[in-house]
Amino acid sequence: MNVEKTKAQMRKGVLEYCVLAIISGSEVYASDIIDKLKEAEMIVVEGTLYPLLTRLKNDNLLSYRWEESKSGPPRKYYSITEQGRELLTELHEGWKVMVESVNKLADNTYLTNQ
């Protein structure tokens, strides 16, 4: 079994939640999102992030604005919408339940088999 492939699938499953959480803190540029994900060891490439941002924007969960840059092309800054905040709250509650459930199962199984 390829453990790295399984870990990558787990990261993909929570990526939307993580991106919304990052953007909920303040308006951010895409490279800021990537940096924060990398700091949290959630390694993501631009080819994964940009389609997700577009989908979240099309679903009215994010909005963006353009800002001129002093060193290059204009930058797109993302912010969360009210709908996005509502979804983030629901995802956060669901995440807490899932983590608790998985920990319960893993701890009980692991301790029983030791």
PDB file of N, CA and C in Angstrom:
ATOM      1  N   MET A   1       0.847  -1.186   0.000  1.00  0.00           N
ATOM      2  CA  MET A   1       0.000   0.000   0.000  1.00  0.00           C
ATOM      3  C   MET A   1       0.890   1.246   0.000  1.00  0.00           C
ATOM      4  N   ASN A   2       0.483   2.234  -0.765  1.00  0.00           N
ATOM      5  CA  ASN A   2       1.238   3.476  -0.868  1.00  0.00           C
ATOM      6  C   ASN A   2       0.712   4.474   0.168  1.00  0.00           C
ATOM      7  N   VAL A   3       1.436   4.609   1.263  1.00  0.00           N
ATOM      8  CA  VAL A   3       1.017   5.486   2.360  1.00  0.00           C
ATOM      9  C   VAL A   3       0.959   6.943   1.920  1.00  0.00           C
ATOM     10  N   GLU A   4       1.909   7.382   1.117  1.00  0.00           N
ATOM     11  CA  GLU A   4       1.933   8.776   0.666  1.00  0.00           C
ATOM     12  C   GLU A   4       0.699   9.108  -0.174  1.00  0.00           C
ATOM     13  N   LYS A   5       0.268   8.162  -0.991  1.00  0.00           N
ATOM     14  CA  LYS A   5      -0.927   8.377  -1.806  1.00  0.00           C
ATOM     15  C   LYS A   5      -2.160   8.534  -0.897  1.00  0.00           C
ATOM     16  N   THR A   6      -2.250   7.711   0.121  1.00  0.00           N
ATOM     17  CA  THR A   6      -3.366   7.802   1.065  1.00  0.00           C
ATOM     18  C   THR A   6      -3.332   9.123   1.819  1.00  0.00           C
ATOM     19  N   LYS A   7      -2.152   9.549   2.252  1.00  0.00           N
ATOM     20  CA  LYS A   7      -2.022  10.838   2.941  1.00  0.00           C
ATOM     21  C   LYS A   7      -2.421  11.989   2.025  1.00  0.00           C
ATOM     22  N   ALA A   8      -2.037  11.913   0.745  1.00  0.00           N
ATOM     23  CA  ALA A   8      -2.397  12.959  -0.212  1.00  0.00           C
ATOM     24  C   ALA A   8      -3.914  13.030  -0.371  1.00  0.00           C
ATOM     25  N   GLN A   9      -4.572  11.890  -0.417  1.00  0.00           N
ATOM     26  CA  GLN A   9      -6.029  11.869  -0.522  1.00  0.00           C
ATOM     27  C   GLN A   9      -6.687  12.463   0.721  1.00  0.00           C
ATOM     28  N   MET A  10      -6.114  12.206   1.872  1.00  0.00           N
ATOM     29  CA  MET A  10      -6.640  12.783   3.110  1.00  0.00           C
ATOM     30  C   MET A  10      -6.507  14.308   3.079  1.00  0.00           C
ATOM     31  N   ARG A  11      -5.365  14.807   2.610  1.00  0.00           N
ATOM     32  CA  ARG A  11      -5.165  16.259   2.505  1.00  0.00           C
ATOM     33  C   ARG A  11      -6.163  16.882   1.541  1.00  0.00           C
ATOM     34  N   LYS A  12      -6.371  16.235   0.395  1.00  0.00           N
ATOM     35  CA  LYS A  12      -7.328  16.756  -0.588  1.00  0.00           C
ATOM     36  C   LYS A  12      -8.727  16.846   0.014  1.00  0.00           C
ATOM     37  N   GLY A  13      -9.057  15.891   0.863  1.00  0.00           N
ATOM     38  CA  GLY A  13     -10.381  15.867   1.470  1.00  0.00           C
ATOM     39  C   GLY A  13     -10.650  17.040   2.392  1.00  0.00           C
ATOM     40  N   VAL A  14      -9.622  17.628   2.954  1.00  0.00           N
ATOM     41  CA  VAL A  14      -9.811  18.750   3.890  1.00  0.00           C
ATOM     42  C   VAL A  14      -9.296  20.072   3.325  1.00  0.00           C
ATOM     43  N   LEU A  15      -8.874  20.071   2.085  1.00  0.00           N
ATOM     44  CA  LEU A  15      -8.275  21.270   1.501  1.00  0.00           C
ATOM     45  C   LEU A  15      -9.255  22.445   1.445  1.00  0.00           C
ATOM     46  N   GLU A  16     -10.487  22.195   1.028  1.00  0.00           N
ATOM     47  CA  GLU A  16     -11.476  23.269   0.950  1.00  0.00           C
ATOM     48  C   GLU A  16     -11.673  23.914   2.327  1.00  0.00           C
ATOM     49  N   TYR A  17     -11.789  23.077   3.339  1.00  0.00           N
ATOM     50  CA  TYR A  17     -11.944  23.563   4.719  1.00  0.00           C
ATOM     51  C   TYR A  17     -10.736  24.417   5.117  1.00  0.00           C
ATOM     52  N   CYS A  18      -9.547  23.947   4.840  1.00  0.00           N
ATOM     53  CA  CYS A  18      -8.331  24.679   5.207  1.00  0.00           C
ATOM     54  C   CYS A  18      -8.227  26.019   4.472  1.00  0.00           C
ATOM     55  N   VAL A  19      -8.545  26.026   3.195  1.00  0.00           N
ATOM     56  CA  VAL A  19      -8.467  27.262   2.408  1.00  0.00           C
ATOM     57  C   VAL A  19      -9.482  28.279   2.933  1.00  0.00           C
ATOM     58  N   LEU A  20     -10.699  27.841   3.200  1.00  0.00           N
ATOM     59  CA  LEU A  20     -11.702  28.757   3.752  1.00  0.00           C
ATOM     60  C   LEU A  20     -11.248  29.290   5.111  1.00  0.00           C
ATOM     61  N   ALA A  21     -10.653  28.434   5.922  1.00  0.00           N
ATOM     62  CA  ALA A  21     -10.175  28.862   7.240  1.00  0.00           C
ATOM     63  C   ALA A  21      -9.088  29.929   7.101  1.00  0.00           C
ATOM     64  N   ILE A  22      -8.178  29.739   6.176  1.00  0.00           N
ATOM     65  CA  ILE A  22      -7.105  30.723   5.956  1.00  0.00           C
ATOM     66  C   ILE A  22      -7.691  32.055   5.510  1.00  0.00           C
ATOM     67  N   ILE A  23      -8.579  32.005   4.543  1.00  0.00           N
ATOM     68  CA  ILE A  23      -9.142  33.231   3.984  1.00  0.00           C
ATOM     69  C   ILE A  23     -10.055  33.933   4.988  1.00  0.00           C
ATOM     70  N   SER A  24     -10.621  33.187   5.904  1.00  0.00           N
ATOM     71  CA  SER A  24     -11.527  33.801   6.891  1.00  0.00           C
ATOM     72  C   SER A  24     -10.794  34.754   7.822  1.00  0.00           C
ATOM     73  N   GLY A  25      -9.476  34.589   7.955  1.00  0.00           N
ATOM     74  CA  GLY A  25      -8.687  35.439   8.839  1.00  0.00           C
ATOM     75  C   GLY A  25      -8.479  36.837   8.295  1.00  0.00           C
ATOM     76  N   SER A  26      -8.239  36.936   7.003  1.00  0.00           N
ATOM     77  CA  SER A  26      -8.036  38.237   6.361  1.00  0.00           C
ATOM     78  C   SER A  26      -7.980  38.025   4.854  1.00  0.00           C
ATOM     79  N   GLU A  27      -8.051  39.108   4.139  1.00  0.00           N
ATOM     80  CA  GLU A  27      -7.942  39.069   2.689  1.00  0.00           C
ATOM     81  C   GLU A  27      -6.536  38.570   2.334  1.00  0.00           C
ATOM     82  N   VAL A  28      -6.446  37.642   1.388  1.00  0.00           N
ATOM     83  CA  VAL A  28      -5.145  37.051   1.059  1.00  0.00           C
ATOM     84  C   VAL A  28      -4.953  36.875  -0.438  1.00  0.00           C
ATOM     85  N   TYR A  29      -3.709  36.857  -0.817  1.00  0.00           N
ATOM     86  CA  TYR A  29      -3.250  36.587  -2.171  1.00  0.00           C
ATOM     87  C   TYR A  29      -2.987  35.081  -2.266  1.00  0.00           C
ATOM     88  N   ALA A  30      -3.115  34.496  -3.445  1.00  0.00           N
ATOM     89  CA  ALA A  30      -2.967  33.044  -3.598  1.00  0.00           C
ATOM     90  C   ALA A  30      -1.647  32.522  -3.037  1.00  0.00           C
ATOM     91  N   SER A  31      -0.548  33.236  -3.261  1.00  0.00           N
ATOM     92  CA  SER A  31       0.736  32.741  -2.747  1.00  0.00           C
ATOM     93  C   SER A  31       0.759  32.754  -1.216  1.00  0.00           C
ATOM     94  N   ASP A  32      -0.004  33.659  -0.594  1.00  0.00           N
ATOM     95  CA  ASP A  32      -0.113  33.652   0.877  1.00  0.00           C
ATOM     96  C   ASP A  32      -0.802  32.364   1.349  1.00  0.00           C
ATOM     97  N   ILE A  33      -1.818  31.947   0.600  1.00  0.00           N
ATOM     98  CA  ILE A  33      -2.539  30.716   0.945  1.00  0.00           C
ATOM     99  C   ILE A  33      -1.594  29.533   0.845  1.00  0.00           C
ATOM    100  N   ILE A  34      -0.854  29.466  -0.234  1.00  0.00           N
ATOM    101  CA  ILE A  34       0.100  28.362  -0.427  1.00  0.00           C
ATOM    102  C   ILE A  34       1.133  28.361   0.692  1.00  0.00           C
ATOM    103  N   ASP A  35       1.655  29.531   1.055  1.00  0.00           N
ATOM    104  CA  ASP A  35       2.644  29.617   2.133  1.00  0.00           C
ATOM    105  C   ASP A  35       2.072  29.106   3.455  1.00  0.00           C
ATOM    106  N   LYS A  36       0.846  29.506   3.774  1.00  0.00           N
ATOM    107  CA  LYS A  36       0.232  29.064   5.033  1.00  0.00           C
ATOM    108  C   LYS A  36      -0.036  27.563   5.023  1.00  0.00           C
ATOM    109  N   LEU A  37      -0.440  27.030   3.881  1.00  0.00           N
ATOM    110  CA  LEU A  37      -0.648  25.589   3.778  1.00  0.00           C
ATOM    111  C   LEU A  37       0.679  24.848   3.960  1.00  0.00           C
ATOM    112  N   LYS A  38       1.739  25.364   3.355  1.00  0.00           N
ATOM    113  CA  LYS A  38       3.058  24.732   3.492  1.00  0.00           C
ATOM    114  C   LYS A  38       3.551  24.787   4.938  1.00  0.00           C
ATOM    115  N   GLU A  39       3.320  25.929   5.601  1.00  0.00           N
ATOM    116  CA  GLU A  39       3.712  26.050   7.019  1.00  0.00           C
ATOM    117  C   GLU A  39       3.030  24.988   7.867  1.00  0.00           C
ATOM    118  N   ALA A  40       1.806  24.636   7.487  1.00  0.00           N
ATOM    119  CA  ALA A  40       1.046  23.631   8.224  1.00  0.00           C
ATOM    120  C   ALA A  40       1.297  22.220   7.684  1.00  0.00           C
ATOM    121  N   GLU A  41       2.285  22.090   6.792  1.00  0.00           N
ATOM    122  CA  GLU A  41       2.649  20.819   6.180  1.00  0.00           C
ATOM    123  C   GLU A  41       1.522  20.232   5.338  1.00  0.00           C
ATOM    124  N   MET A  42       0.709  21.124   4.768  1.00  0.00           N
ATOM    125  CA  MET A  42      -0.346  20.741   3.819  1.00  0.00           C
ATOM    126  C   MET A  42       0.146  21.186   2.451  1.00  0.00           C
ATOM    127  N   ILE A  43       1.090  20.456   1.902  1.00  0.00           N
ATOM    128  CA  ILE A  43       1.740  20.872   0.680  1.00  0.00           C
ATOM    129  C   ILE A  43       0.751  20.815  -0.492  1.00  0.00           C
ATOM    130  N   VAL A  44       0.614  21.943  -1.174  1.00  0.00           N
ATOM    131  CA  VAL A  44      -0.315  22.076  -2.286  1.00  0.00           C
ATOM    132  C   VAL A  44       0.381  22.858  -3.389  1.00  0.00           C
ATOM    133  N   VAL A  45       0.138  22.453  -4.614  1.00  0.00           N
ATOM    134  CA  VAL A  45       0.713  23.171  -5.756  1.00  0.00           C
ATOM    135  C   VAL A  45      -0.335  24.122  -6.334  1.00  0.00           C
ATOM    136  N   GLU A  46       0.141  25.102  -7.085  1.00  0.00           N
ATOM    137  CA  GLU A  46      -0.767  26.095  -7.677  1.00  0.00           C
ATOM    138  C   GLU A  46      -1.820  25.441  -8.553  1.00  0.00           C
ATOM    139  N   GLY A  47      -1.445  24.364  -9.234  1.00  0.00           N
ATOM    140  CA  GLY A  47      -2.372  23.666 -10.120  1.00  0.00           C
ATOM    141  C   GLY A  47      -3.540  23.040  -9.387  1.00  0.00           C
ATOM    142  N   THR A  48      -3.409  22.846  -8.099  1.00  0.00           N
ATOM    143  CA  THR A  48      -4.503  22.341  -7.266  1.00  0.00           C
ATOM    144  C   THR A  48      -5.276  23.503  -6.663  1.00  0.00           C
ATOM    145  N   LEU A  49      -4.570  24.541  -6.255  1.00  0.00           N
ATOM    146  CA  LEU A  49      -5.204  25.647  -5.548  1.00  0.00           C
ATOM    147  C   LEU A  49      -6.089  26.511  -6.448  1.00  0.00           C
ATOM    148  N   TYR A  50      -5.599  26.895  -7.618  1.00  0.00           N
ATOM    149  CA  TYR A  50      -6.354  27.828  -8.453  1.00  0.00           C
ATOM    150  C   TYR A  50      -7.727  27.293  -8.890  1.00  0.00           C
ATOM    151  N   PRO A  51      -7.831  26.035  -9.317  1.00  0.00           N
ATOM    152  CA  PRO A  51      -9.178  25.529  -9.643  1.00  0.00           C
ATOM    153  C   PRO A  51     -10.105  25.515  -8.420  1.00  0.00           C
ATOM    154  N   LEU A  52      -9.551  25.232  -7.250  1.00  0.00           N
ATOM    155  CA  LEU A  52     -10.361  25.250  -6.023  1.00  0.00           C
ATOM    156  C   LEU A  52     -10.855  26.661  -5.729  1.00  0.00           C
ATOM    157  N   LEU A  53      -9.970  27.649  -5.848  1.00  0.00           N
ATOM    158  CA  LEU A  53     -10.373  29.044  -5.616  1.00  0.00           C
ATOM    159  C   LEU A  53     -11.457  29.474  -6.603  1.00  0.00           C
ATOM    160  N   THR A  54     -11.318  29.065  -7.853  1.00  0.00           N
ATOM    161  CA  THR A  54     -12.324  29.403  -8.861  1.00  0.00           C
ATOM    162  C   THR A  54     -13.664  28.768  -8.515  1.00  0.00           C
ATOM    163  N   ARG A  55     -13.650  27.513  -8.107  1.00  0.00           N
ATOM    164  CA  ARG A  55     -14.889  26.827  -7.735  1.00  0.00           C
ATOM    165  C   ARG A  55     -15.539  27.487  -6.529  1.00  0.00           C
ATOM    166  N   LEU A  56     -14.737  27.823  -5.516  1.00  0.00           N
ATOM    167  CA  LEU A  56     -15.272  28.479  -4.320  1.00  0.00           C
ATOM    168  C   LEU A  56     -15.857  29.846  -4.664  1.00  0.00           C
ATOM    169  N   LYS A  57     -15.216  30.560  -5.587  1.00  0.00           N
ATOM    170  CA  LYS A  57     -15.721  31.856  -6.022  1.00  0.00           C
ATOM    171  C   LYS A  57     -17.026  31.675  -6.786  1.00  0.00           C
ATOM    172  N   ASN A  58     -17.074  30.694  -7.689  1.00  0.00           N
ATOM    173  CA  ASN A  58     -18.287  30.435  -8.474  1.00  0.00           C
ATOM    174  C   ASN A  58     -19.456  29.979  -7.596  1.00  0.00           C
ATOM    175  N   ASP A  59     -19.149  29.374  -6.469  1.00  0.00           N
ATOM    176  CA  ASP A  59     -20.185  28.943  -5.520  1.00  0.00           C
ATOM    177  C   ASP A  59     -20.544  30.048  -4.529  1.00  0.00           C
ATOM    178  N   ASN A  60     -20.026  31.258  -4.764  1.00  0.00           N
ATOM    179  CA  ASN A  60     -20.284  32.433  -3.911  1.00  0.00           C
ATOM    180  C   ASN A  60     -19.781  32.269  -2.475  1.00  0.00           C
ATOM    181  N   LEU A  61     -18.731  31.488  -2.310  1.00  0.00           N
ATOM    182  CA  LEU A  61     -18.122  31.292  -0.997  1.00  0.00           C
ATOM    183  C   LEU A  61     -16.947  32.242  -0.796  1.00  0.00           C
ATOM    184  N   LEU A  62     -16.386  32.709  -1.913  1.00  0.00           N
ATOM    185  CA  LEU A  62     -15.274  33.666  -1.900  1.00  0.00           C
ATOM    186  C   LEU A  62     -15.592  34.793  -2.868  1.00  0.00           C
ATOM    187  N   SER A  63     -14.957  35.916  -2.632  1.00  0.00           N
ATOM    188  CA  SER A  63     -14.958  37.000  -3.605  1.00  0.00           C
ATOM    189  C   SER A  63     -13.504  37.427  -3.762  1.00  0.00           C
ATOM    190  N   TYR A  64     -13.248  38.248  -4.752  1.00  0.00           N
ATOM    191  CA  TYR A  64     -11.879  38.731  -4.929  1.00  0.00           C
ATOM    192  C   TYR A  64     -11.905  40.140  -5.488  1.00  0.00           C
ATOM    193  N   ARG A  65     -10.764  40.783  -5.362  1.00  0.00           N
ATOM    194  CA  ARG A  65     -10.572  42.104  -5.952  1.00  0.00           C
ATOM    195  C   ARG A  65      -9.154  42.144  -6.519  1.00  0.00           C
ATOM    196  N   TRP A  66      -8.977  42.965  -7.521  1.00  0.00           N
ATOM    197  CA  TRP A  66      -7.662  43.146  -8.133  1.00  0.00           C
ATOM    198  C   TRP A  66      -6.974  44.345  -7.495  1.00  0.00           C
ATOM    199  N   GLU A  67      -5.673  44.206  -7.300  1.00  0.00           N
ATOM    200  CA  GLU A  67      -4.885  45.327  -6.795  1.00  0.00           C
ATOM    201  C   GLU A  67      -3.620  45.432  -7.626  1.00  0.00           C
ATOM    202  N   GLU A  68      -3.318  46.637  -8.041  1.00  0.00           N
ATOM    203  CA  GLU A  68      -2.092  46.863  -8.804  1.00  0.00           C
ATOM    204  C   GLU A  68      -0.887  46.512  -7.934  1.00  0.00           C
ATOM    205  N   SER A  69       0.124  45.944  -8.569  1.00  0.00           N
ATOM    206  CA  SER A  69       1.346  45.575  -7.865  1.00  0.00           C
ATOM    207  C   SER A  69       2.470  46.509  -8.290  1.00  0.00           C
ATOM    208  N   LYS A  70       3.339  46.843  -7.356  1.00  0.00           N
ATOM    209  CA  LYS A  70       4.488  47.699  -7.666  1.00  0.00           C
ATOM    210  C   LYS A  70       5.559  46.922  -8.416  1.00  0.00           C
ATOM    211  N   SER A  71       5.491  45.606  -8.315  1.00  0.00           N
ATOM    212  CA  SER A  71       6.531  44.784  -8.950  1.00  0.00           C
ATOM    213  C   SER A  71       5.913  43.649  -9.760  1.00  0.00           C
ATOM    214  N   GLY A  72       5.193  43.994 -10.807  1.00  0.00           N
ATOM    215  CA  GLY A  72       4.625  42.956 -11.655  1.00  0.00           C
ATOM    216  C   GLY A  72       3.158  43.185 -11.965  1.00  0.00           C
ATOM    217  N   PRO A  73       2.509  42.118 -12.416  1.00  0.00           N
ATOM    218  CA  PRO A  73       1.100  42.252 -12.810  1.00  0.00           C
ATOM    219  C   PRO A  73       0.188  42.478 -11.601  1.00  0.00           C
ATOM    220  N   PRO A  74      -1.066  42.898 -11.847  1.00  0.00           N
ATOM    221  CA  PRO A  74      -2.008  43.080 -10.737  1.00  0.00           C
ATOM    222  C   PRO A  74      -2.215  41.761  -9.994  1.00  0.00           C
ATOM    223  N   ARG A  75      -2.556  41.876  -8.731  1.00  0.00           N
ATOM    224  CA  ARG A  75      -2.768  40.694  -7.888  1.00  0.00           C
ATOM    225  C   ARG A  75      -4.235  40.557  -7.526  1.00  0.00           C
ATOM    226  N   LYS A  76      -4.675  39.309  -7.442  1.00  0.00           N
ATOM    227  CA  LYS A  76      -6.044  39.011  -7.063  1.00  0.00           C
ATOM    228  C   LYS A  76      -6.048  38.647  -5.571  1.00  0.00           C
ATOM    229  N   TYR A  77      -6.785  39.423  -4.780  1.00  0.00           N
ATOM    230  CA  TYR A  77      -6.896  39.183  -3.345  1.00  0.00           C
ATOM    231  C   TYR A  77      -8.260  38.596  -3.033  1.00  0.00           C
ATOM    232  N   TYR A  78      -8.251  37.492  -2.289  1.00  0.00           N
ATOM    233  CA  TYR A  78      -9.474  36.760  -1.966  1.00  0.00           C
ATOM    234  C   TYR A  78      -9.969  37.097  -0.571  1.00  0.00           C
ATOM    235  N   SER A  79     -11.294  37.122  -0.431  1.00  0.00           N
ATOM    236  CA  SER A  79     -11.916  37.262   0.892  1.00  0.00           C
ATOM    237  C   SER A  79     -13.119  36.324   0.938  1.00  0.00           C
ATOM    238  N   ILE A  80     -13.521  35.971   2.136  1.00  0.00           N
ATOM    239  CA  ILE A  80     -14.625  35.034   2.326  1.00  0.00           C
ATOM    240  C   ILE A  80     -15.941  35.809   2.338  1.00  0.00           C
ATOM    241  N   THR A  81     -16.976  35.208   1.790  1.00  0.00           N
ATOM    242  CA  THR A  81     -18.305  35.815   1.794  1.00  0.00           C
ATOM    243  C   THR A  81     -19.077  35.329   3.023  1.00  0.00           C
ATOM    244  N   GLU A  82     -20.234  35.896   3.227  1.00  0.00           N
ATOM    245  CA  GLU A  82     -21.075  35.437   4.343  1.00  0.00           C
ATOM    246  C   GLU A  82     -21.457  33.970   4.154  1.00  0.00           C
ATOM    247  N   GLN A  83     -21.772  33.600   2.914  1.00  0.00           N
ATOM    248  CA  GLN A  83     -22.069  32.190   2.621  1.00  0.00           C
ATOM    249  C   GLN A  83     -20.864  31.308   2.935  1.00  0.00           C
ATOM    250  N   GLY A  84     -19.684  31.804   2.616  1.00  0.00           N
ATOM    251  CA  GLY A  84     -18.459  31.065   2.907  1.00  0.00           C
ATOM    252  C   GLY A  84     -18.250  30.896   4.397  1.00  0.00           C
ATOM    253  N   ARG A  85     -18.544  31.934   5.176  1.00  0.00           N
ATOM    254  CA  ARG A  85     -18.423  31.842   6.642  1.00  0.00           C
ATOM    255  C   ARG A  85     -19.398  30.811   7.210  1.00  0.00           C
ATOM    256  N   GLU A  86     -20.599  30.786   6.664  1.00  0.00           N
ATOM    257  CA  GLU A  86     -21.594  29.810   7.123  1.00  0.00           C
ATOM    258  C   GLU A  86     -21.116  28.386   6.825  1.00  0.00           C
ATOM    259  N   LEU A  87     -20.606  28.172   5.607  1.00  0.00           N
ATOM    260  CA  LEU A  87     -20.086  26.854   5.253  1.00  0.00           C
ATOM    261  C   LEU A  87     -18.897  26.494   6.140  1.00  0.00           C
ATOM    262  N   LEU A  88     -18.008  27.440   6.369  1.00  0.00           N
ATOM    263  CA  LEU A  88     -16.836  27.193   7.210  1.00  0.00           C
ATOM    264  C   LEU A  88     -17.259  26.758   8.608  1.00  0.00           C
ATOM    265  N   THR A  89     -18.272  27.394   9.158  1.00  0.00           N
ATOM    266  CA  THR A  89     -18.778  27.010  10.485  1.00  0.00           C
ATOM    267  C   THR A  89     -19.279  25.567  10.459  1.00  0.00           C
ATOM    268  N   GLU A  90     -20.034  25.215   9.424  1.00  0.00           N
ATOM    269  CA  GLU A  90     -20.538  23.849   9.307  1.00  0.00           C
ATOM    270  C   GLU A  90     -19.395  22.849   9.136  1.00  0.00           C
ATOM    271  N   LEU A  91     -18.422  23.189   8.296  1.00  0.00           N
ATOM    272  CA  LEU A  91     -17.272  22.301   8.093  1.00  0.00           C
ATOM    273  C   LEU A  91     -16.479  22.131   9.377  1.00  0.00           C
ATOM    274  N   HIS A  92     -16.332  23.215  10.136  1.00  0.00           N
ATOM    275  CA  HIS A  92     -15.584  23.146  11.394  1.00  0.00           C
ATOM    276  C   HIS A  92     -16.267  22.194  12.375  1.00  0.00           C
ATOM    277  N   GLU A  93     -17.582  22.311  12.483  1.00  0.00           N
ATOM    278  CA  GLU A  93     -18.322  21.404  13.376  1.00  0.00           C
ATOM    279  C   GLU A  93     -18.195  19.962  12.899  1.00  0.00           C
ATOM    280  N   GLY A  94     -18.326  19.753  11.599  1.00  0.00           N
ATOM    281  CA  GLY A  94     -18.181  18.406  11.045  1.00  0.00           C
ATOM    282  C   GLY A  94     -16.789  17.844  11.253  1.00  0.00           C
ATOM    283  N   TRP A  95     -15.779  18.709  11.126  1.00  0.00           N
ATOM    284  CA  TRP A  95     -14.387  18.285  11.318  1.00  0.00           C
ATOM    285  C   TRP A  95     -14.168  17.817  12.754  1.00  0.00           C
ATOM    286  N   LYS A  96     -14.675  18.579  13.713  1.00  0.00           N
ATOM    287  CA  LYS A  96     -14.498  18.195  15.124  1.00  0.00           C
ATOM    288  C   LYS A  96     -15.106  16.827  15.395  1.00  0.00           C
ATOM    289  N   VAL A  97     -16.299  16.578  14.859  1.00  0.00           N
ATOM    290  CA  VAL A  97     -16.966  15.283  15.054  1.00  0.00           C
ATOM    291  C   VAL A  97     -16.156  14.176  14.388  1.00  0.00           C
ATOM    292  N   MET A  98     -15.683  14.427  13.168  1.00  0.00           N
ATOM    293  CA  MET A  98     -14.924  13.411  12.453  1.00  0.00           C
ATOM    294  C   MET A  98     -13.620  13.069  13.174  1.00  0.00           C
ATOM    295  N   VAL A  99     -12.893  14.079  13.619  1.00  0.00           N
ATOM    296  CA  VAL A  99     -11.626  13.834  14.320  1.00  0.00           C
ATOM    297  C   VAL A  99     -11.878  13.017  15.591  1.00  0.00           C
ATOM    298  N   GLU A 100     -12.899  13.391  16.322  1.00  0.00           N
ATOM    299  CA  GLU A 100     -13.230  12.660  17.549  1.00  0.00           C
ATOM    300  C   GLU A 100     -13.579  11.206  17.226  1.00  0.00           C
ATOM    301  N   SER A 101     -14.375  10.998  16.181  1.00  0.00           N
ATOM    302  CA  SER A 101     -14.766   9.639  15.799  1.00  0.00           C
ATOM    303  C   SER A 101     -13.565   8.810  15.353  1.00  0.00           C
ATOM    304  N   VAL A 102     -12.728   9.398  14.507  1.00  0.00           N
ATOM    305  CA  VAL A 102     -11.554   8.668  14.017  1.00  0.00           C
ATOM    306  C   VAL A 102     -10.609   8.355  15.165  1.00  0.00           C
ATOM    307  N   ASN A 103     -10.379   9.321  16.048  1.00  0.00           N
ATOM    308  CA  ASN A 103      -9.509   9.074  17.198  1.00  0.00           C
ATOM    309  C   ASN A 103     -10.062   7.969  18.084  1.00  0.00           C
ATOM    310  N   LYS A 104     -11.354   7.977  18.287  1.00  0.00           N
ATOM    311  CA  LYS A 104     -11.983   6.945  19.109  1.00  0.00           C
ATOM    312  C   LYS A 104     -11.757   5.564  18.499  1.00  0.00           C
ATOM    313  N   LEU A 105     -12.010   5.457  17.209  1.00  0.00           N
ATOM    314  CA  LEU A 105     -11.828   4.172  16.524  1.00  0.00           C
ATOM    315  C   LEU A 105     -10.363   3.747  16.512  1.00  0.00           C
ATOM    316  N   ALA A 106      -9.485   4.674  16.145  1.00  0.00           N
ATOM    317  CA  ALA A 106      -8.063   4.342  16.053  1.00  0.00           C
ATOM    318  C   ALA A 106      -7.482   4.000  17.420  1.00  0.00           C
ATOM    319  N   ASP A 107      -7.813   4.792  18.441  1.00  0.00           N
ATOM    320  CA  ASP A 107      -7.283   4.541  19.785  1.00  0.00           C
ATOM    321  C   ASP A 107      -7.781   3.214  20.334  1.00  0.00           C
ATOM    322  N   ASN A 108      -9.053   2.944  20.175  1.00  0.00           N
ATOM    323  CA  ASN A 108      -9.609   1.684  20.686  1.00  0.00           C
ATOM    324  C   ASN A 108      -9.025   0.486  19.971  1.00  0.00           C
ATOM    325  N   THR A 109      -8.913   0.577  18.651  1.00  0.00           N
ATOM    326  CA  THR A 109      -8.362  -0.529  17.873  1.00  0.00           C
ATOM    327  C   THR A 109      -6.890  -0.717  18.173  1.00  0.00           C
ATOM    328  N   TYR A 110      -6.152   0.377  18.191  1.00  0.00           N
ATOM    329  CA  TYR A 110      -4.714   0.318  18.432  1.00  0.00           C
ATOM    330  C   TYR A 110      -4.432  -0.234  19.830  1.00  0.00           C
ATOM    331  N   LEU A 111      -5.142   0.254  20.841  1.00  0.00           N
ATOM    332  CA  LEU A 111      -4.912  -0.200  22.215  1.00  0.00           C
ATOM    333  C   LEU A 111      -5.297  -1.651  22.393  1.00  0.00           C
ATOM    334  N   THR A 112      -6.343  -2.108  21.718  1.00  0.00           N
ATOM    335  CA  THR A 112      -6.787  -3.488  21.818  1.00  0.00           C
ATOM    336  C   THR A 112      -5.767  -4.433  21.206  1.00  0.00           C
ATOM    337  N   ASN A 113      -5.109  -3.985  20.162  1.00  0.00           N
ATOM    338  CA  ASN A 113      -4.179  -4.854  19.437  1.00  0.00           C
ATOM    339  C   ASN A 113      -2.762  -4.815  20.001  1.00  0.00           C
ATOM    340  N   GLN A 114      -2.518  -4.063  21.035  1.00  0.00           N
ATOM    341  CA  GLN A 114      -1.168  -3.987  21.603  1.00  0.00           C
ATOM    342  C   GLN A 114      -0.924  -5.057  22.627  1.00  0.00           C
TER     343      GLN A 114
END
